[in-house]
PDB file of all heavy atoms in Angstrom:
ATOM      1  N   LEU A   1     -37.463  93.299 136.810  1.00  0.00           N
ATOM      2  CA  LEU A   1     -36.023  93.013 136.801  1.00  0.00           C
ATOM      3  C   LEU A   1     -35.640  92.149 135.603  1.00  0.00           C
ATOM      4  O   LEU A   1     -36.380  91.287 135.187  1.00  0.00           O
ATOM      5  CB  LEU A   1     -35.718  92.164 138.084  1.00  0.00           C
ATOM      6  CG  LEU A   1     -36.067  92.764 139.422  1.00  0.00           C
ATOM      7  CD1 LEU A   1     -36.061  91.707 140.486  1.00  0.00           C
ATOM      8  CD2 LEU A   1     -35.004  93.828 139.764  1.00  0.00           C
ATOM      9  N   ASP A   2     -34.471  92.428 135.072  1.00  0.00           N
ATOM     10  CA  ASP A   2     -33.859  91.570 134.038  1.00  0.00           C
ATOM     11  C   ASP A   2     -32.993  90.588 134.814  1.00  0.00           C
ATOM     12  O   ASP A   2     -32.094  91.043 135.629  1.00  0.00           O
ATOM     13  CB  ASP A   2     -33.077  92.377 133.047  1.00  0.00           C
ATOM     14  CG  ASP A   2     -33.989  93.242 132.167  1.00  0.00           C
ATOM     15  OD1 ASP A   2     -35.055  92.770 131.743  1.00  0.00           O
ATOM     16  OD2 ASP A   2     -33.661  94.437 131.954  1.00  0.00           O
ATOM     17  N   GLN A   3     -33.113  89.342 134.557  1.00  0.00           N
ATOM     18  CA  GLN A   3     -32.362  88.307 135.289  1.00  0.00           C
ATOM     19  C   GLN A   3     -31.594  87.387 134.357  1.00  0.00           C
ATOM     20  O   GLN A   3     -32.135  86.944 133.335  1.00  0.00           O
ATOM     21  CB  GLN A   3     -33.345  87.467 136.143  1.00  0.00           C
ATOM     22  CG  GLN A   3     -32.682  86.404 136.940  1.00  0.00           C
ATOM     23  CD  GLN A   3     -33.656  85.834 137.962  1.00  0.00           C
ATOM     24  OE1 GLN A   3     -34.149  86.503 138.815  1.00  0.00           O
ATOM     25  NE2 GLN A   3     -33.932  84.515 137.838  1.00  0.00           N
ATOM     26  N   VAL A   4     -30.338  87.143 134.726  1.00  0.00           N
ATOM     27  CA  VAL A   4     -29.471  86.174 133.996  1.00  0.00           C
ATOM     28  C   VAL A   4     -29.086  85.128 134.961  1.00  0.00           C
ATOM     29  O   VAL A   4     -28.553  85.426 136.054  1.00  0.00           O
ATOM     30  CB  VAL A   4     -28.191  86.847 133.368  1.00  0.00           C
ATOM     31  CG1 VAL A   4     -27.343  85.832 132.757  1.00  0.00           C
ATOM     32  CG2 VAL A   4     -28.606  87.996 132.455  1.00  0.00           C
ATOM     33  N   THR A   5     -29.324  83.892 134.627  1.00  0.00           N
ATOM     34  CA  THR A   5     -29.016  82.755 135.542  1.00  0.00           C
ATOM     35  C   THR A   5     -28.164  81.743 134.788  1.00  0.00           C
ATOM     36  O   THR A   5     -28.504  81.390 133.652  1.00  0.00           O
ATOM     37  CB  THR A   5     -30.353  82.067 136.036  1.00  0.00           C
ATOM     38  OG1 THR A   5     -31.174  83.068 136.603  1.00  0.00           O
ATOM     39  CG2 THR A   5     -30.047  81.025 137.012  1.00  0.00           C
ATOM     40  N   THR A   6     -27.106  81.304 135.453  1.00  0.00           N
ATOM     41  CA  THR A   6     -26.239  80.305 134.866  1.00  0.00           C
ATOM     42  C   THR A   6     -26.234  79.068 135.758  1.00  0.00           C
ATOM     43  O   THR A   6     -26.098  79.179 137.004  1.00  0.00           O
ATOM     44  CB  THR A   6     -24.785  80.807 134.745  1.00  0.00           C
ATOM     45  OG1 THR A   6     -24.775  82.015 133.935  1.00  0.00           O
ATOM     46  CG2 THR A   6     -23.868  79.798 134.095  1.00  0.00           C
ATOM     47  N   TYR A   7     -26.521  77.924 135.163  1.00  0.00           N
ATOM     48  CA  TYR A   7     -26.597  76.664 135.879  1.00  0.00           C
ATOM     49  C   TYR A   7     -25.343  75.794 135.504  1.00  0.00           C
ATOM     50  O   TYR A   7     -24.925  75.855 134.369  1.00  0.00           O
ATOM     51  CB  TYR A   7     -27.837  75.853 135.464  1.00  0.00           C
ATOM     52  CG  TYR A   7     -29.138  76.554 135.757  1.00  0.00           C
ATOM     53  CD1 TYR A   7     -29.710  77.440 134.838  1.00  0.00           C
ATOM     54  CD2 TYR A   7     -29.778  76.365 137.013  1.00  0.00           C
ATOM     55  CE1 TYR A   7     -30.924  78.099 135.128  1.00  0.00           C
ATOM     56  CE2 TYR A   7     -30.958  77.032 137.270  1.00  0.00           C
ATOM     57  CZ  TYR A   7     -31.494  77.870 136.330  1.00  0.00           C
ATOM     58  OH  TYR A   7     -32.708  78.482 136.647  1.00  0.00           O
ATOM     59  N   GLU A   8     -24.879  74.982 136.481  1.00  0.00           N
ATOM     60  CA  GLU A   8     -23.839  74.048 136.169  1.00  0.00           C
ATOM     61  C   GLU A   8     -24.175  72.764 136.902  1.00  0.00           C
ATOM     62  O   GLU A   8     -24.408  72.670 138.113  1.00  0.00           O
ATOM     63  CB  GLU A   8     -22.482  74.517 136.696  1.00  0.00           C
ATOM     64  CG  GLU A   8     -21.379  73.539 136.393  1.00  0.00           C
ATOM     65  CD  GLU A   8     -19.981  74.071 136.752  1.00  0.00           C
ATOM     66  OE1 GLU A   8     -19.839  75.243 137.144  1.00  0.00           O
ATOM     67  OE2 GLU A   8     -19.042  73.230 136.666  1.00  0.00           O
ATOM     68  N   VAL A   9     -24.198  71.633 136.104  1.00  0.00           N
ATOM     69  CA  VAL A   9     -24.507  70.333 136.664  1.00  0.00           C
ATOM     70  C   VAL A   9     -23.325  69.812 137.524  1.00  0.00           C
ATOM     71  O   VAL A   9     -22.185  69.883 137.113  1.00  0.00           O
ATOM     72  CB  VAL A   9     -24.762  69.301 135.535  1.00  0.00           C
ATOM     73  CG1 VAL A   9     -24.931  67.921 136.087  1.00  0.00           C
ATOM     74  CG2 VAL A   9     -25.992  69.739 134.698  1.00  0.00           C
ATOM     75  N   THR A  10     -23.660  69.451 138.787  1.00  0.00           N
ATOM     76  CA  THR A  10     -22.589  68.960 139.714  1.00  0.00           C
ATOM     77  C   THR A  10     -22.717  67.477 139.933  1.00  0.00           C
ATOM     78  O   THR A  10     -21.730  66.875 140.386  1.00  0.00           O
ATOM     79  CB  THR A  10     -22.721  69.702 141.072  1.00  0.00           C
ATOM     80  OG1 THR A  10     -23.970  69.499 141.624  1.00  0.00           O
ATOM     81  CG2 THR A  10     -22.390  71.204 140.856  1.00  0.00           C
ATOM     82  N   LYS A  11     -23.872  66.871 139.649  1.00  0.00           N
ATOM     83  CA  LYS A  11     -24.038  65.432 139.878  1.00  0.00           C
ATOM     84  C   LYS A  11     -25.243  64.959 139.064  1.00  0.00           C
ATOM     85  O   LYS A  11     -26.235  65.648 138.921  1.00  0.00           O
ATOM     86  CB  LYS A  11     -24.328  65.182 141.345  1.00  0.00           C
ATOM     87  CG  LYS A  11     -24.511  63.685 141.694  1.00  0.00           C
ATOM     88  CD  LYS A  11     -24.772  63.546 143.180  1.00  0.00           C
ATOM     89  CE  LYS A  11     -24.986  62.074 143.538  1.00  0.00           C
ATOM     90  NZ  LYS A  11     -25.308  61.897 144.934  1.00  0.00           N
ATOM     91  N   LEU A  12     -25.094  63.761 138.481  1.00  0.00           N
ATOM     92  CA  LEU A  12     -26.173  63.104 137.741  1.00  0.00           C
ATOM     93  C   LEU A  12     -26.383  61.719 138.326  1.00  0.00           C
ATOM     94  O   LEU A  12     -25.425  60.996 138.666  1.00  0.00           O
ATOM     95  CB  LEU A  12     -25.846  62.960 136.269  1.00  0.00           C
ATOM     96  CG  LEU A  12     -25.863  64.197 135.396  1.00  0.00           C
ATOM     97  CD1 LEU A  12     -25.367  63.930 134.024  1.00  0.00           C
ATOM     98  CD2 LEU A  12     -27.344  64.735 135.336  1.00  0.00           C
ATOM     99  N   THR A  13     -27.624  61.333 138.464  1.00  0.00           N
ATOM    100  CA  THR A  13     -28.008  59.959 138.803  1.00  0.00           C
ATOM    101  C   THR A  13     -28.956  59.459 137.716  1.00  0.00           C
ATOM    102  O   THR A  13     -29.273  60.159 136.800  1.00  0.00           O
ATOM    103  CB  THR A  13     -28.679  59.864 140.184  1.00  0.00           C
ATOM    104  OG1 THR A  13     -29.989  60.543 140.093  1.00  0.00           O
ATOM    105  CG2 THR A  13     -27.853  60.539 141.281  1.00  0.00           C
ATOM    106  N   ASP A  14     -29.408  58.216 137.852  1.00  0.00           N
ATOM    107  CA  ASP A  14     -30.370  57.677 136.873  1.00  0.00           C
ATOM    108  C   ASP A  14     -31.620  58.495 136.812  1.00  0.00           C
ATOM    109  O   ASP A  14     -32.265  58.544 135.740  1.00  0.00           O
ATOM    110  CB  ASP A  14     -30.674  56.206 137.168  1.00  0.00           C
ATOM    111  CG  ASP A  14     -29.479  55.273 136.923  1.00  0.00           C
ATOM    112  OD1 ASP A  14     -28.578  55.675 136.174  1.00  0.00           O
ATOM    113  OD2 ASP A  14     -29.521  54.153 137.428  1.00  0.00           O
ATOM    114  N   THR A  15     -32.039  59.086 137.913  1.00  0.00           N
ATOM    115  CA  THR A  15     -33.317  59.773 137.953  1.00  0.00           C
ATOM    116  C   THR A  15     -33.230  61.247 138.375  1.00  0.00           C
ATOM    117  O   THR A  15     -34.270  61.877 138.531  1.00  0.00           O
ATOM    118  CB  THR A  15     -34.269  59.085 138.953  1.00  0.00           C
ATOM    119  OG1 THR A  15     -33.702  59.087 140.211  1.00  0.00           O
ATOM    120  CG2 THR A  15     -34.520  57.642 138.468  1.00  0.00           C
ATOM    121  N   GLY A  16     -32.031  61.779 138.560  1.00  0.00           N
ATOM    122  CA  GLY A  16     -31.975  63.191 139.021  1.00  0.00           C
ATOM    123  C   GLY A  16     -30.725  63.915 138.645  1.00  0.00           C
ATOM    124  O   GLY A  16     -29.815  63.351 138.090  1.00  0.00           O
ATOM    125  N   VAL A  17     -30.755  65.201 138.998  1.00  0.00           N
ATOM    126  CA  VAL A  17     -29.635  66.051 138.688  1.00  0.00           C
ATOM    127  C   VAL A  17     -29.448  67.024 139.868  1.00  0.00           C
ATOM    128  O   VAL A  17     -30.410  67.490 140.433  1.00  0.00           O
ATOM    129  CB  VAL A  17     -29.845  66.828 137.333  1.00  0.00           C
ATOM    130  CG1 VAL A  17     -31.114  67.699 137.412  1.00  0.00           C
ATOM    131  CG2 VAL A  17     -28.692  67.665 136.929  1.00  0.00           C
ATOM    132  N   ALA A  18     -28.204  67.324 140.165  1.00  0.00           N
ATOM    133  CA  ALA A  18     -27.844  68.379 141.142  1.00  0.00           C
ATOM    134  C   ALA A  18     -27.092  69.432 140.400  1.00  0.00           C
ATOM    135  O   ALA A  18     -26.412  69.170 139.444  1.00  0.00           O
ATOM    136  CB  ALA A  18     -27.007  67.786 142.296  1.00  0.00           C
ATOM    137  N   TYR A  19     -27.247  70.683 140.841  1.00  0.00           N
ATOM    138  CA  TYR A  19     -26.619  71.804 140.129  1.00  0.00           C
ATOM    139  C   TYR A  19     -26.274  72.946 141.092  1.00  0.00           C
ATOM    140  O   TYR A  19     -26.762  73.040 142.197  1.00  0.00           O
ATOM    141  CB  TYR A  19     -27.634  72.355 139.094  1.00  0.00           C
ATOM    142  CG  TYR A  19     -28.937  72.800 139.707  1.00  0.00           C
ATOM    143  CD1 TYR A  19     -29.057  74.118 140.153  1.00  0.00           C
ATOM    144  CD2 TYR A  19     -29.988  71.939 139.891  1.00  0.00           C
ATOM    145  CE1 TYR A  19     -30.232  74.549 140.778  1.00  0.00           C
ATOM    146  CE2 TYR A  19     -31.157  72.382 140.482  1.00  0.00           C
ATOM    147  CZ  TYR A  19     -31.269  73.688 140.920  1.00  0.00           C
ATOM    148  OH  TYR A  19     -32.471  74.084 141.558  1.00  0.00           O
ATOM    149  N   ASP A  20     -25.388  73.792 140.601  1.00  0.00           N
ATOM    150  CA  ASP A  20     -25.023  75.047 141.244  1.00  0.00           C
ATOM    151  C   ASP A  20     -25.568  76.130 140.340  1.00  0.00           C
ATOM    152  O   ASP A  20     -25.729  75.927 139.089  1.00  0.00           O
ATOM    153  CB  ASP A  20     -23.549  75.231 141.387  1.00  0.00           C
ATOM    154  CG  ASP A  20     -22.960  74.403 142.503  1.00  0.00           C
ATOM    155  OD1 ASP A  20     -23.707  73.934 143.397  1.00  0.00           O
ATOM    156  OD2 ASP A  20     -21.712  74.107 142.456  1.00  0.00           O
ATOM    157  N   VAL A  21     -25.866  77.296 140.865  1.00  0.00           N
ATOM    158  CA  VAL A  21     -26.444  78.389 140.085  1.00  0.00           C
ATOM    159  C   VAL A  21     -25.862  79.716 140.506  1.00  0.00           C
ATOM    160  O   VAL A  21     -25.535  79.908 141.666  1.00  0.00           O
ATOM    161  CB  VAL A  21     -27.968  78.333 140.245  1.00  0.00           C
ATOM    162  CG1 VAL A  21     -28.395  78.580 141.681  1.00  0.00           C
ATOM    163  CG2 VAL A  21     -28.699  79.361 139.352  1.00  0.00           C
ATOM    164  N   THR A  22     -25.679  80.583 139.532  1.00  0.00           N
ATOM    165  CA  THR A  22     -25.339  82.007 139.819  1.00  0.00           C
ATOM    166  C   THR A  22     -26.397  82.847 139.109  1.00  0.00           C
ATOM    167  O   THR A  22     -26.832  82.518 138.001  1.00  0.00           O
ATOM    168  CB  THR A  22     -23.919  82.409 139.309  1.00  0.00           C
ATOM    169  OG1 THR A  22     -23.882  82.171 137.883  1.00  0.00           O
ATOM    170  CG2 THR A  22     -22.869  81.591 140.020  1.00  0.00           C
ATOM    171  N   THR A  23     -26.729  83.968 139.757  1.00  0.00           N
ATOM    172  CA  THR A  23     -27.837  84.821 139.232  1.00  0.00           C
ATOM    173  C   THR A  23     -27.425  86.282 139.368  1.00  0.00           C
ATOM    174  O   THR A  23     -26.811  86.683 140.351  1.00  0.00           O
ATOM    175  CB  THR A  23     -29.141  84.589 140.041  1.00  0.00           C
ATOM    176  OG1 THR A  23     -29.497  83.226 139.915  1.00  0.00           O
ATOM    177  CG2 THR A  23     -30.243  85.438 139.491  1.00  0.00           C
ATOM    178  N   THR A  24     -27.764  87.061 138.379  1.00  0.00           N
ATOM    179  CA  THR A  24     -27.657  88.542 138.424  1.00  0.00           C
ATOM    180  C   THR A  24     -28.999  89.097 138.097  1.00  0.00           C
ATOM    181  O   THR A  24     -29.694  88.613 137.208  1.00  0.00           O
ATOM    182  CB  THR A  24     -26.574  89.123 137.554  1.00  0.00           C
ATOM    183  OG1 THR A  24     -26.868  88.777 136.193  1.00  0.00           O
ATOM    184  CG2 THR A  24     -25.200  88.581 137.912  1.00  0.00           C
TER     185      THR A  24
END
């Protein structure tokens, strides 16, 4: 499979990151 993934940062802390993702 050929895969394209887009990430978007939704939250940042001093030690972490939260994100949303879309994939085809």
